[in-house]
Amino acid sequence: MSEVLPEGFFDDPKMDAKVRKVEYKDKDEEQWELFQKAIKEEAQVSEVIMEEEDEQVNIDRNIDEIDDQIQRWQEVEKLHVKKEIILKSSKSEGPKKTETGDDVEDGELDEFLDWRAKKSLK
């Protein structure tokens, strides 16, 4: 009997599939599954794009940090060179006398500045 009846003979698609002894496939369900599959694929593509952008942002940030470190290192090196020049020029000029006075020695100053020794001075 199912060989005689054409597809779509019954108004009810479930009954039609049952009589012809084939699996019923709901068109809306098939479209929904295709839609979900397409969304999943697009989500994966979007995730890959976002990961690439994040990676590029991290690379750019690292490059900026490295450039900043290089600039600061150059400043430190300039200061080291300046320090060496000053040290060489001060050595060539000879030792300078302190402006505090030569008549007072450091040992005597330490006695006055040491708080424990104050009681012994009285």
PDB file of N, CA and C in Angstrom:
ATOM      1  N   MET A   1       0.823  -1.189   0.000  1.00  0.00           N
ATOM      2  CA  MET A   1       0.000   0.000   0.000  1.00  0.00           C
ATOM      3  C   MET A   1       0.872   1.260   0.000  1.00  0.00           C
ATOM      4  N   SER A   2       1.984   1.276   0.764  1.00  0.00           N
ATOM      5  CA  SER A   2       2.839   2.452   0.818  1.00  0.00           C
ATOM      6  C   SER A   2       3.507   2.709  -0.521  1.00  0.00           C
ATOM      7  N   GLU A   3       3.639   1.682  -1.342  1.00  0.00           N
ATOM      8  CA  GLU A   3       4.244   1.885  -2.652  1.00  0.00           C
ATOM      9  C   GLU A   3       3.285   2.596  -3.595  1.00  0.00           C
ATOM     10  N   VAL A   4       2.017   2.469  -3.332  1.00  0.00           N
ATOM     11  CA  VAL A   4       1.007   3.050  -4.192  1.00  0.00           C
ATOM     12  C   VAL A   4       0.773   4.522  -3.848  1.00  0.00           C
ATOM     13  N   LEU A   5       0.865   4.864  -2.572  1.00  0.00           N
ATOM     14  CA  LEU A   5       0.571   6.229  -2.131  1.00  0.00           C
ATOM     15  C   LEU A   5       1.764   7.144  -2.402  1.00  0.00           C
ATOM     16  N   PRO A   6       1.549   8.287  -3.017  1.00  0.00           N
ATOM     17  CA  PRO A   6       2.648   9.223  -3.273  1.00  0.00           C
ATOM     18  C   PRO A   6       2.990  10.014  -2.010  1.00  0.00           C
ATOM     19  N   GLU A   7       4.156  10.584  -2.031  1.00  0.00           N
ATOM     20  CA  GLU A   7       4.587  11.402  -0.897  1.00  0.00           C
ATOM     21  C   GLU A   7       3.683  12.622  -0.813  1.00  0.00           C
ATOM     22  N   GLY A   8       3.269  12.958   0.420  1.00  0.00           N
ATOM     23  CA  GLY A   8       2.382  14.092   0.624  1.00  0.00           C
ATOM     24  C   GLY A   8       0.916  13.745   0.428  1.00  0.00           C
ATOM     25  N   PHE A   9       0.583  12.460   0.367  1.00  0.00           N
ATOM     26  CA  PHE A   9      -0.802  12.043   0.189  1.00  0.00           C
ATOM     27  C   PHE A   9      -1.645  12.466   1.386  1.00  0.00           C
ATOM     28  N   PHE A  10      -1.084  12.298   2.593  1.00  0.00           N
ATOM     29  CA  PHE A  10      -1.792  12.698   3.804  1.00  0.00           C
ATOM     30  C   PHE A  10      -1.429  14.148   4.133  1.00  0.00           C
ATOM     31  N   ASP A  11      -2.398  14.848   4.707  1.00  0.00           N
ATOM     32  CA  ASP A  11      -2.149  16.235   5.113  1.00  0.00           C
ATOM     33  C   ASP A  11      -1.182  16.302   6.290  1.00  0.00           C
ATOM     34  N   ASP A  12      -1.251  15.325   7.153  1.00  0.00           N
ATOM     35  CA  ASP A  12      -0.372  15.278   8.321  1.00  0.00           C
ATOM     36  C   ASP A  12       0.968  14.670   7.899  1.00  0.00           C
ATOM     37  N   PRO A  13       2.060  15.430   7.981  1.00  0.00           N
ATOM     38  CA  PRO A  13       3.349  14.895   7.530  1.00  0.00           C
ATOM     39  C   PRO A  13       3.830  13.714   8.373  1.00  0.00           C
ATOM     40  N   LYS A  14       3.460  13.673   9.650  1.00  0.00           N
ATOM     41  CA  LYS A  14       3.868  12.551  10.495  1.00  0.00           C
ATOM     42  C   LYS A  14       3.179  11.272  10.032  1.00  0.00           C
ATOM     43  N   MET A  15       1.892  11.369   9.745  1.00  0.00           N
ATOM     44  CA  MET A  15       1.127  10.214   9.284  1.00  0.00           C
ATOM     45  C   MET A  15       1.628   9.763   7.913  1.00  0.00           C
ATOM     46  N   ASP A  16       1.964  10.699   7.066  1.00  0.00           N
ATOM     47  CA  ASP A  16       2.463  10.387   5.731  1.00  0.00           C
ATOM     48  C   ASP A  16       3.770   9.594   5.827  1.00  0.00           C
ATOM     49  N   ALA A  17       4.680  10.042   6.703  1.00  0.00           N
ATOM     50  CA  ALA A  17       5.953   9.348   6.877  1.00  0.00           C
ATOM     51  C   ALA A  17       5.736   7.968   7.479  1.00  0.00           C
ATOM     52  N   LYS A  18       4.789   7.859   8.408  1.00  0.00           N
ATOM     53  CA  LYS A  18       4.512   6.578   9.054  1.00  0.00           C
ATOM     54  C   LYS A  18       3.981   5.571   8.040  1.00  0.00           C
ATOM     55  N   VAL A  19       3.063   5.980   7.164  1.00  0.00           N
ATOM     56  CA  VAL A  19       2.468   5.081   6.175  1.00  0.00           C
ATOM     57  C   VAL A  19       3.521   4.638   5.164  1.00  0.00           C
ATOM     58  N   ARG A  20       4.412   5.553   4.782  1.00  0.00           N
ATOM     59  CA  ARG A  20       5.441   5.205   3.802  1.00  0.00           C
ATOM     60  C   ARG A  20       6.633   4.504   4.460  1.00  0.00           C
ATOM     61  N   LYS A  21       6.613   4.378   5.791  1.00  0.00           N
ATOM     62  CA  LYS A  21       7.647   3.703   6.582  1.00  0.00           C
ATOM     63  C   LYS A  21       9.017   4.373   6.409  1.00  0.00           C
ATOM     64  N   VAL A  22       9.017   5.685   6.517  1.00  0.00           N
ATOM     65  CA  VAL A  22      10.253   6.466   6.514  1.00  0.00           C
ATOM     66  C   VAL A  22      10.272   7.332   7.770  1.00  0.00           C
ATOM     67  N   GLU A  23      11.450   7.773   8.133  1.00  0.00           N
ATOM     68  CA  GLU A  23      11.589   8.607   9.331  1.00  0.00           C
ATOM     69  C   GLU A  23      11.040   9.997   9.049  1.00  0.00           C
ATOM     70  N   TYR A  24      10.277  10.512   9.994  1.00  0.00           N
ATOM     71  CA  TYR A  24       9.700  11.851   9.844  1.00  0.00           C
ATOM     72  C   TYR A  24      10.766  12.886  10.173  1.00  0.00           C
ATOM     73  N   LYS A  25      10.918  13.857   9.288  1.00  0.00           N
ATOM     74  CA  LYS A  25      11.869  14.948   9.500  1.00  0.00           C
ATOM     75  C   LYS A  25      11.094  16.255   9.478  1.00  0.00           C
ATOM     76  N   ASP A  26      11.097  16.908  10.631  1.00  0.00           N
ATOM     77  CA  ASP A  26      10.408  18.191  10.747  1.00  0.00           C
ATOM     78  C   ASP A  26      11.273  19.263  10.080  1.00  0.00           C
ATOM     79  N   LYS A  27      10.702  19.998   9.149  1.00  0.00           N
ATOM     80  CA  LYS A  27      11.455  21.023   8.414  1.00  0.00           C
ATOM     81  C   LYS A  27      11.920  22.138   9.339  1.00  0.00           C
ATOM     82  N   ASP A  28      11.063  22.517  10.275  1.00  0.00           N
ATOM     83  CA  ASP A  28      11.452  23.566  11.226  1.00  0.00           C
ATOM     84  C   ASP A  28      12.625  23.107  12.089  1.00  0.00           C
ATOM     85  N   GLU A  29      12.587  21.845  12.511  1.00  0.00           N
ATOM     86  CA  GLU A  29      13.669  21.310  13.334  1.00  0.00           C
ATOM     87  C   GLU A  29      14.972  21.249  12.532  1.00  0.00           C
ATOM     88  N   GLU A  30      14.893  20.865  11.274  1.00  0.00           N
ATOM     89  CA  GLU A  30      16.082  20.831  10.417  1.00  0.00           C
ATOM     90  C   GLU A  30      16.667  22.229  10.241  1.00  0.00           C
ATOM     91  N   GLN A  31      15.794  23.201  10.015  1.00  0.00           N
ATOM     92  CA  GLN A  31      16.267  24.579   9.866  1.00  0.00           C
ATOM     93  C   GLN A  31      16.891  25.081  11.165  1.00  0.00           C
ATOM     94  N   TRP A  32      16.284  24.710  12.292  1.00  0.00           N
ATOM     95  CA  TRP A  32      16.818  25.118  13.593  1.00  0.00           C
ATOM     96  C   TRP A  32      18.217  24.526  13.804  1.00  0.00           C
ATOM     97  N   GLU A  33      18.394  23.254  13.468  1.00  0.00           N
ATOM     98  CA  GLU A  33      19.698  22.614  13.606  1.00  0.00           C
ATOM     99  C   GLU A  33      20.732  23.262  12.683  1.00  0.00           C
ATOM    100  N   LEU A  34      20.336  23.570  11.458  1.00  0.00           N
ATOM    101  CA  LEU A  34      21.247  24.256  10.537  1.00  0.00           C
ATOM    102  C   LEU A  34      21.630  25.638  11.063  1.00  0.00           C
ATOM    103  N   PHE A  35      20.653  26.332  11.632  1.00  0.00           N
ATOM    104  CA  PHE A  35      20.904  27.655  12.208  1.00  0.00           C
ATOM    105  C   PHE A  35      21.895  27.550  13.365  1.00  0.00           C
ATOM    106  N   GLN A  36      21.668  26.579  14.257  1.00  0.00           N
ATOM    107  CA  GLN A  36      22.571  26.406  15.396  1.00  0.00           C
ATOM    108  C   GLN A  36      23.986  26.056  14.930  1.00  0.00           C
ATOM    109  N   LYS A  37      24.079  25.221  13.902  1.00  0.00           N
ATOM    110  CA  LYS A  37      25.386  24.846  13.370  1.00  0.00           C
ATOM    111  C   LYS A  37      26.102  26.071  12.789  1.00  0.00           C
ATOM    112  N   ALA A  38      25.355  26.894  12.055  1.00  0.00           N
ATOM    113  CA  ALA A  38      25.943  28.101  11.467  1.00  0.00           C
ATOM    114  C   ALA A  38      26.396  29.073  12.555  1.00  0.00           C
ATOM    115  N   ILE A  39      25.588  29.228  13.592  1.00  0.00           N
ATOM    116  CA  ILE A  39      25.947  30.120  14.706  1.00  0.00           C
ATOM    117  C   ILE A  39      27.202  29.604  15.405  1.00  0.00           C
ATOM    118  N   LYS A  40      27.294  28.297  15.610  1.00  0.00           N
ATOM    119  CA  LYS A  40      28.461  27.715  16.274  1.00  0.00           C
ATOM    120  C   LYS A  40      29.724  27.970  15.450  1.00  0.00           C
ATOM    121  N   GLU A  41      29.626  27.801  14.133  1.00  0.00           N
ATOM    122  CA  GLU A  41      30.779  28.049  13.267  1.00  0.00           C
ATOM    123  C   GLU A  41      31.192  29.517  13.306  1.00  0.00           C
ATOM    124  N   GLU A  42      30.226  30.409  13.271  1.00  0.00           N
ATOM    125  CA  GLU A  42      30.534  31.846  13.317  1.00  0.00           C
ATOM    126  C   GLU A  42      31.123  32.238  14.667  1.00  0.00           C
ATOM    127  N   ALA A  43      30.643  31.597  15.737  1.00  0.00           N
ATOM    128  CA  ALA A  43      31.189  31.885  17.068  1.00  0.00           C
ATOM    129  C   ALA A  43      32.655  31.458  17.138  1.00  0.00           C
ATOM    130  N   GLN A  44      32.977  30.326  16.524  1.00  0.00           N
ATOM    131  CA  GLN A  44      34.367  29.868  16.512  1.00  0.00           C
ATOM    132  C   GLN A  44      35.244  30.827  15.708  1.00  0.00           C
ATOM    133  N   VAL A  45      34.741  31.279  14.571  1.00  0.00           N
ATOM    134  CA  VAL A  45      35.493  32.234  13.752  1.00  0.00           C
ATOM    135  C   VAL A  45      35.707  33.532  14.534  1.00  0.00           C
ATOM    136  N   SER A  46      34.662  33.982  15.202  1.00  0.00           N
ATOM    137  CA  SER A  46      34.754  35.210  15.993  1.00  0.00           C
ATOM    138  C   SER A  46      35.767  35.051  17.125  1.00  0.00           C
ATOM    139  N   GLU A  47      35.771  33.894  17.763  1.00  0.00           N
ATOM    140  CA  GLU A  47      36.705  33.646  18.859  1.00  0.00           C
ATOM    141  C   GLU A  47      38.151  33.665  18.359  1.00  0.00           C
ATOM    142  N   VAL A  48      38.385  33.081  17.191  1.00  0.00           N
ATOM    143  CA  VAL A  48      39.731  33.082  16.612  1.00  0.00           C
ATOM    144  C   VAL A  48      40.175  34.514  16.315  1.00  0.00           C
ATOM    145  N   ILE A  49      39.273  35.308  15.762  1.00  0.00           N
ATOM    146  CA  ILE A  49      39.598  36.705  15.449  1.00  0.00           C
ATOM    147  C   ILE A  49      39.920  37.476  16.728  1.00  0.00           C
ATOM    148  N   MET A  50      39.119  37.272  17.777  1.00  0.00           N
ATOM    149  CA  MET A  50      39.357  37.971  19.043  1.00  0.00           C
ATOM    150  C   MET A  50      40.689  37.554  19.657  1.00  0.00           C
ATOM    151  N   GLU A  51      41.029  36.261  19.578  1.00  0.00           N
ATOM    152  CA  GLU A  51      42.309  35.803  20.111  1.00  0.00           C
ATOM    153  C   GLU A  51      43.472  36.443  19.358  1.00  0.00           C
ATOM    154  N   GLU A  52      43.348  36.543  18.038  1.00  0.00           N
ATOM    155  CA  GLU A  52      44.404  37.179  17.249  1.00  0.00           C
ATOM    156  C   GLU A  52      44.546  38.653  17.615  1.00  0.00           C
ATOM    157  N   GLU A  53      43.418  39.336  17.814  1.00  0.00           N
ATOM    158  CA  GLU A  53      43.473  40.748  18.198  1.00  0.00           C
ATOM    159  C   GLU A  53      44.085  40.907  19.581  1.00  0.00           C
ATOM    160  N   ASP A  54      43.713  40.025  20.532  1.00  0.00           N
ATOM    161  CA  ASP A  54      44.289  40.085  21.870  1.00  0.00           C
ATOM    162  C   ASP A  54      45.795  39.851  21.820  1.00  0.00           C
ATOM    163  N   GLU A  55      46.210  38.899  20.994  1.00  0.00           N
ATOM    164  CA  GLU A  55      47.629  38.611  20.853  1.00  0.00           C
ATOM    165  C   GLU A  55      48.368  39.824  20.288  1.00  0.00           C
ATOM    166  N   GLN A  56      47.763  40.481  19.311  1.00  0.00           N
ATOM    167  CA  GLN A  56      48.391  41.667  18.714  1.00  0.00           C
ATOM    168  C   GLN A  56      48.478  42.806  19.732  1.00  0.00           C
ATOM    169  N   VAL A  57      47.432  42.969  20.539  1.00  0.00           N
ATOM    170  CA  VAL A  57      47.447  44.007  21.575  1.00  0.00           C
ATOM    171  C   VAL A  57      48.559  43.720  22.581  1.00  0.00           C
ATOM    172  N   ASN A  58      48.705  42.447  22.980  1.00  0.00           N
ATOM    173  CA  ASN A  58      49.763  42.087  23.918  1.00  0.00           C
ATOM    174  C   ASN A  58      51.143  42.337  23.317  1.00  0.00           C
ATOM    175  N   ILE A  59      51.310  42.010  22.049  1.00  0.00           N
ATOM    176  CA  ILE A  59      52.594  42.246  21.383  1.00  0.00           C
ATOM    177  C   ILE A  59      52.895  43.741  21.344  1.00  0.00           C
ATOM    178  N   ASP A  60      51.898  44.545  20.984  1.00  0.00           N
ATOM    179  CA  ASP A  60      52.097  46.001  20.933  1.00  0.00           C
ATOM    180  C   ASP A  60      52.455  46.554  22.309  1.00  0.00           C
ATOM    181  N   ARG A  61      51.763  46.062  23.351  1.00  0.00           N
ATOM    182  CA  ARG A  61      52.037  46.527  24.713  1.00  0.00           C
ATOM    183  C   ARG A  61      53.459  46.148  25.121  1.00  0.00           C
ATOM    184  N   ASN A  62      53.877  44.928  24.799  1.00  0.00           N
ATOM    185  CA  ASN A  62      55.235  44.501  25.134  1.00  0.00           C
ATOM    186  C   ASN A  62      56.275  45.342  24.404  1.00  0.00           C
ATOM    187  N   ILE A  63      56.013  45.655  23.155  1.00  0.00           N
ATOM    188  CA  ILE A  63      56.943  46.498  22.393  1.00  0.00           C
ATOM    189  C   ILE A  63      57.042  47.880  23.027  1.00  0.00           C
ATOM    190  N   ASP A  64      55.903  48.448  23.434  1.00  0.00           N
ATOM    191  CA  ASP A  64      55.919  49.764  24.082  1.00  0.00           C
ATOM    192  C   ASP A  64      56.708  49.718  25.384  1.00  0.00           C
ATOM    193  N   GLU A  65      56.509  48.647  26.178  1.00  0.00           N
ATOM    194  CA  GLU A  65      57.235  48.524  27.440  1.00  0.00           C
ATOM    195  C   GLU A  65      58.737  48.382  27.195  1.00  0.00           C
ATOM    196  N   ILE A  66      59.100  47.609  26.191  1.00  0.00           N
ATOM    197  CA  ILE A  66      60.520  47.427  25.875  1.00  0.00           C
ATOM    198  C   ILE A  66      61.130  48.742  25.406  1.00  0.00           C
ATOM    199  N   ASP A  67      60.408  49.482  24.573  1.00  0.00           N
ATOM    200  CA  ASP A  67      60.902  50.793  24.128  1.00  0.00           C
ATOM    201  C   ASP A  67      61.105  51.728  25.315  1.00  0.00           C
ATOM    202  N   ASP A  68      60.162  51.707  26.256  1.00  0.00           N
ATOM    203  CA  ASP A  68      60.266  52.547  27.448  1.00  0.00           C
ATOM    204  C   ASP A  68      61.482  52.136  28.278  1.00  0.00           C
ATOM    205  N   GLN A  69      61.689  50.829  28.428  1.00  0.00           N
ATOM    206  CA  GLN A  69      62.848  50.358  29.185  1.00  0.00           C
ATOM    207  C   GLN A  69      64.153  50.755  28.507  1.00  0.00           C
ATOM    208  N   ILE A  70      64.194  50.668  27.188  1.00  0.00           N
ATOM    209  CA  ILE A  70      65.398  51.064  26.449  1.00  0.00           C
ATOM    210  C   ILE A  70      65.680  52.546  26.661  1.00  0.00           C
ATOM    211  N   GLN A  71      64.634  53.368  26.592  1.00  0.00           N
ATOM    212  CA  GLN A  71      64.806  54.807  26.784  1.00  0.00           C
ATOM    213  C   GLN A  71      65.323  55.097  28.195  1.00  0.00           C
ATOM    214  N   ARG A  72      64.743  54.440  29.178  1.00  0.00           N
ATOM    215  CA  ARG A  72      65.186  54.676  30.563  1.00  0.00           C
ATOM    216  C   ARG A  72      66.617  54.167  30.773  1.00  0.00           C
ATOM    217  N   TRP A  73      66.957  53.044  30.148  1.00  0.00           N
ATOM    218  CA  TRP A  73      68.315  52.530  30.263  1.00  0.00           C
ATOM    219  C   TRP A  73      69.314  53.506  29.641  1.00  0.00           C
ATOM    220  N   GLN A  74      68.944  54.119  28.537  1.00  0.00           N
ATOM    221  CA  GLN A  74      69.817  55.107  27.908  1.00  0.00           C
ATOM    222  C   GLN A  74      70.015  56.305  28.829  1.00  0.00           C
ATOM    223  N   GLU A  75      68.954  56.717  29.513  1.00  0.00           N
ATOM    224  CA  GLU A  75      69.076  57.831  30.461  1.00  0.00           C
ATOM    225  C   GLU A  75      70.014  57.461  31.603  1.00  0.00           C
ATOM    226  N   VAL A  76      69.895  56.222  32.095  1.00  0.00           N
ATOM    227  CA  VAL A  76      70.777  55.765  33.169  1.00  0.00           C
ATOM    228  C   VAL A  76      72.225  55.745  32.687  1.00  0.00           C
ATOM    229  N   GLU A  77      72.444  55.271  31.481  1.00  0.00           N
ATOM    230  CA  GLU A  77      73.799  55.237  30.922  1.00  0.00           C
ATOM    231  C   GLU A  77      74.367  56.646  30.772  1.00  0.00           C
ATOM    232  N   LYS A  78      73.541  57.595  30.341  1.00  0.00           N
ATOM    233  CA  LYS A  78      73.995  58.987  30.235  1.00  0.00           C
ATOM    234  C   LYS A  78      74.411  59.514  31.605  1.00  0.00           C
ATOM    235  N   LEU A  79      73.636  59.167  32.625  1.00  0.00           N
ATOM    236  CA  LEU A  79      73.979  59.606  33.978  1.00  0.00           C
ATOM    237  C   LEU A  79      75.277  58.953  34.455  1.00  0.00           C
ATOM    238  N   HIS A  80      75.487  57.676  34.108  1.00  0.00           N
ATOM    239  CA  HIS A  80      76.744  57.016  34.470  1.00  0.00           C
ATOM    240  C   HIS A  80      77.931  57.703  33.793  1.00  0.00           C
ATOM    241  N   VAL A  81      77.785  58.023  32.533  1.00  0.00           N
ATOM    242  CA  VAL A  81      78.858  58.715  31.804  1.00  0.00           C
ATOM    243  C   VAL A  81      79.120  60.078  32.434  1.00  0.00           C
ATOM    244  N   LYS A  82      78.054  60.791  32.763  1.00  0.00           N
ATOM    245  CA  LYS A  82      78.197  62.106  33.393  1.00  0.00           C
ATOM    246  C   LYS A  82      78.894  61.971  34.744  1.00  0.00           C
ATOM    247  N   LYS A  83      78.549  60.936  35.494  1.00  0.00           N
ATOM    248  CA  LYS A  83      79.170  60.698  36.796  1.00  0.00           C
ATOM    249  C   LYS A  83      80.662  60.428  36.627  1.00  0.00           C
ATOM    250  N   GLU A  84      81.019  59.600  35.646  1.00  0.00           N
ATOM    251  CA  GLU A  84      82.425  59.297  35.401  1.00  0.00           C
ATOM    252  C   GLU A  84      83.201  60.554  35.011  1.00  0.00           C
ATOM    253  N   ILE A  85      82.598  61.389  34.191  1.00  0.00           N
ATOM    254  CA  ILE A  85      83.256  62.640  33.785  1.00  0.00           C
ATOM    255  C   ILE A  85      83.485  63.531  34.996  1.00  0.00           C
ATOM    256  N   ILE A  86      82.473  63.631  35.850  1.00  0.00           N
ATOM    257  CA  ILE A  86      82.601  64.470  37.054  1.00  0.00           C
ATOM    258  C   ILE A  86      83.655  63.901  37.987  1.00  0.00           C
ATOM    259  N   LEU A  87      83.664  62.567  38.156  1.00  0.00           N
ATOM    260  CA  LEU A  87      84.667  61.956  39.034  1.00  0.00           C
ATOM    261  C   LEU A  87      86.078  62.169  38.490  1.00  0.00           C
ATOM    262  N   LYS A  88      86.259  62.033  37.191  1.00  0.00           N
ATOM    263  CA  LYS A  88      87.581  62.247  36.596  1.00  0.00           C
ATOM    264  C   LYS A  88      88.018  63.696  36.737  1.00  0.00           C
ATOM    265  N   SER A  89      87.086  64.624  36.539  1.00  0.00           N
ATOM    266  CA  SER A  89      87.453  66.036  36.658  1.00  0.00           C
ATOM    267  C   SER A  89      87.747  66.403  38.107  1.00  0.00           C
ATOM    268  N   SER A  90      87.045  65.801  39.048  1.00  0.00           N
ATOM    269  CA  SER A  90      87.305  66.119  40.461  1.00  0.00           C
ATOM    270  C   SER A  90      88.622  65.508  40.919  1.00  0.00           C
ATOM    271  N   LYS A  91      89.004  64.345  40.377  1.00  0.00           N
ATOM    272  CA  LYS A  91      90.289  63.740  40.731  1.00  0.00           C
ATOM    273  C   LYS A  91      91.447  64.556  40.158  1.00  0.00           C
ATOM    274  N   SER A  92      91.266  65.092  38.984  1.00  0.00           N
ATOM    275  CA  SER A  92      92.343  65.874  38.362  1.00  0.00           C
ATOM    276  C   SER A  92      92.538  67.212  39.068  1.00  0.00           C
ATOM    277  N   GLU A  93      91.498  67.752  39.666  1.00  0.00           N
ATOM    278  CA  GLU A  93      91.614  69.028  40.379  1.00  0.00           C
ATOM    279  C   GLU A  93      92.261  68.845  41.735  1.00  0.00           C
ATOM    280  N   GLY A  94      92.218  67.658  42.289  1.00  0.00           N
ATOM    281  CA  GLY A  94      92.811  67.404  43.586  1.00  0.00           C
ATOM    282  C   GLY A  94      91.740  67.406  44.662  1.00  0.00           C
ATOM    283  N   PRO A  95      92.132  66.991  45.851  1.00  0.00           N
ATOM    284  CA  PRO A  95      91.144  66.927  46.939  1.00  0.00           C
ATOM    285  C   PRO A  95      90.732  68.327  47.388  1.00  0.00           C
ATOM    286  N   LYS A  96      89.471  68.471  47.621  1.00  0.00           N
ATOM    287  CA  LYS A  96      88.953  69.763  48.076  1.00  0.00           C
ATOM    288  C   LYS A  96      88.845  69.755  49.590  1.00  0.00           C
ATOM    289  N   LYS A  97      89.040  70.936  50.168  1.00  0.00           N
ATOM    290  CA  LYS A  97      88.886  71.059  51.611  1.00  0.00           C
ATOM    291  C   LYS A  97      87.415  71.235  51.932  1.00  0.00           C
ATOM    292  N   THR A  98      87.033  70.701  53.057  1.00  0.00           N
ATOM    293  CA  THR A  98      85.628  70.825  53.452  1.00  0.00           C
ATOM    294  C   THR A  98      85.364  72.231  53.927  1.00  0.00           C
ATOM    295  N   GLU A  99      84.177  72.656  53.764  1.00  0.00           N
ATOM    296  CA  GLU A  99      83.812  74.022  54.129  1.00  0.00           C
ATOM    297  C   GLU A  99      83.410  74.139  55.593  1.00  0.00           C
ATOM    298  N   THR A 100      83.383  73.035  56.316  1.00  0.00           N
ATOM    299  CA  THR A 100      82.979  73.089  57.720  1.00  0.00           C
ATOM    300  C   THR A 100      84.084  73.651  58.591  1.00  0.00           C
ATOM    301  N   GLY A 101      85.293  73.590  58.123  1.00  0.00           N
ATOM    302  CA  GLY A 101      86.412  74.124  58.905  1.00  0.00           C
ATOM    303  C   GLY A 101      87.394  73.011  59.208  1.00  0.00           C
ATOM    304  N   ASP A 102      88.681  73.333  59.107  1.00  0.00           N
ATOM    305  CA  ASP A 102      89.697  72.312  59.328  1.00  0.00           C
ATOM    306  C   ASP A 102      90.038  72.162  60.807  1.00  0.00           C
ATOM    307  N   ASP A 103      89.712  73.140  61.617  1.00  0.00           N
ATOM    308  CA  ASP A 103      90.088  73.100  63.013  1.00  0.00           C
ATOM    309  C   ASP A 103      89.244  72.121  63.829  1.00  0.00           C
ATOM    310  N   VAL A 104      88.088  71.695  63.338  1.00  0.00           N
ATOM    311  CA  VAL A 104      87.245  70.741  64.059  1.00  0.00           C
ATOM    312  C   VAL A 104      87.342  69.405  63.336  1.00  0.00           C
ATOM    313  N   GLU A 105      87.753  68.384  64.043  1.00  0.00           N
ATOM    314  CA  GLU A 105      87.896  67.068  63.429  1.00  0.00           C
ATOM    315  C   GLU A 105      86.589  66.290  63.541  1.00  0.00           C
ATOM    316  N   ASP A 106      86.480  65.230  62.728  1.00  0.00           N
ATOM    317  CA  ASP A 106      85.253  64.426  62.717  1.00  0.00           C
ATOM    318  C   ASP A 106      85.026  63.723  64.047  1.00  0.00           C
ATOM    319  N   GLY A 107      86.069  63.294  64.687  1.00  0.00           N
ATOM    320  CA  GLY A 107      85.941  62.608  65.975  1.00  0.00           C
ATOM    321  C   GLY A 107      85.319  63.513  67.026  1.00  0.00           C
ATOM    322  N   GLU A 108      85.719  64.762  67.028  1.00  0.00           N
ATOM    323  CA  GLU A 108      85.157  65.713  67.979  1.00  0.00           C
ATOM    324  C   GLU A 108      83.688  65.967  67.685  1.00  0.00           C
ATOM    325  N   LEU A 109      83.328  66.026  66.413  1.00  0.00           N
ATOM    326  CA  LEU A 109      81.922  66.217  66.048  1.00  0.00           C
ATOM    327  C   LEU A 109      81.086  65.019  66.464  1.00  0.00           C
ATOM    328  N   ASP A 110      81.652  63.832  66.338  1.00  0.00           N
ATOM    329  CA  ASP A 110      80.914  62.630  66.721  1.00  0.00           C
ATOM    330  C   ASP A 110      80.588  62.654  68.210  1.00  0.00           C
ATOM    331  N   GLU A 111      81.507  63.181  69.016  1.00  0.00           N
ATOM    332  CA  GLU A 111      81.246  63.257  70.451  1.00  0.00           C
ATOM    333  C   GLU A 111      80.038  64.135  70.738  1.00  0.00           C
ATOM    334  N   PHE A 112      79.923  65.232  70.040  1.00  0.00           N
ATOM    335  CA  PHE A 112      78.812  66.147  70.282  1.00  0.00           C
ATOM    336  C   PHE A 112      77.492  65.603  69.728  1.00  0.00           C
ATOM    337  N   LEU A 113      77.564  64.815  68.689  1.00  0.00           N
ATOM    338  CA  LEU A 113      76.349  64.298  68.075  1.00  0.00           C
ATOM    339  C   LEU A 113      75.869  63.002  68.711  1.00  0.00           C
ATOM    340  N   ASP A 114      76.721  62.320  69.457  1.00  0.00           N
ATOM    341  CA  ASP A 114      76.330  61.053  70.067  1.00  0.00           C
ATOM    342  C   ASP A 114      75.513  61.341  71.314  1.00  0.00           C
ATOM    343  N   TRP A 115      74.299  60.914  71.354  1.00  0.00           N
ATOM    344  CA  TRP A 115      73.396  61.232  72.464  1.00  0.00           C
ATOM    345  C   TRP A 115      73.802  60.525  73.747  1.00  0.00           C
ATOM    346  N   ARG A 116      74.495  59.392  73.640  1.00  0.00           N
ATOM    347  CA  ARG A 116      74.905  58.667  74.840  1.00  0.00           C
ATOM    348  C   ARG A 116      76.075  59.370  75.526  1.00  0.00           C
ATOM    349  N   ALA A 117      76.843  60.060  74.750  1.00  0.00           N
ATOM    350  CA  ALA A 117      78.010  60.732  75.312  1.00  0.00           C
ATOM    351  C   ALA A 117      77.644  62.068  75.933  1.00  0.00           C
ATOM    352  N   LYS A 118      76.450  62.551  75.747  1.00  0.00           N
ATOM    353  CA  LYS A 118      76.059  63.855  76.273  1.00  0.00           C
ATOM    354  C   LYS A 118      76.099  63.883  77.798  1.00  0.00           C
ATOM    355  N   LYS A 119      75.734  62.793  78.416  1.00  0.00           N
ATOM    356  CA  LYS A 119      75.735  62.752  79.875  1.00  0.00           C
ATOM    357  C   LYS A 119      77.154  62.802  80.423  1.00  0.00           C
ATOM    358  N   SER A 120      78.071  62.247  79.681  1.00  0.00           N
ATOM    359  CA  SER A 120      79.454  62.227  80.163  1.00  0.00           C
ATOM    360  C   SER A 120      80.125  63.590  80.027  1.00  0.00           C
ATOM    361  N   LEU A 121      79.612  64.458  79.170  1.00  0.00           N
ATOM    362  CA  LEU A 121      80.193  65.772  78.995  1.00  0.00           C
ATOM    363  C   LEU A 121      79.831  66.712  80.131  1.00  0.00           C
ATOM    364  N   LYS A 122      78.762  66.476  80.801  1.00  0.00           N
ATOM    365  CA  LYS A 122      78.314  67.380  81.866  1.00  0.00           C
ATOM    366  C   LYS A 122      79.126  67.299  83.091  1.00  0.00           C
TER     367      LYS A 122
END
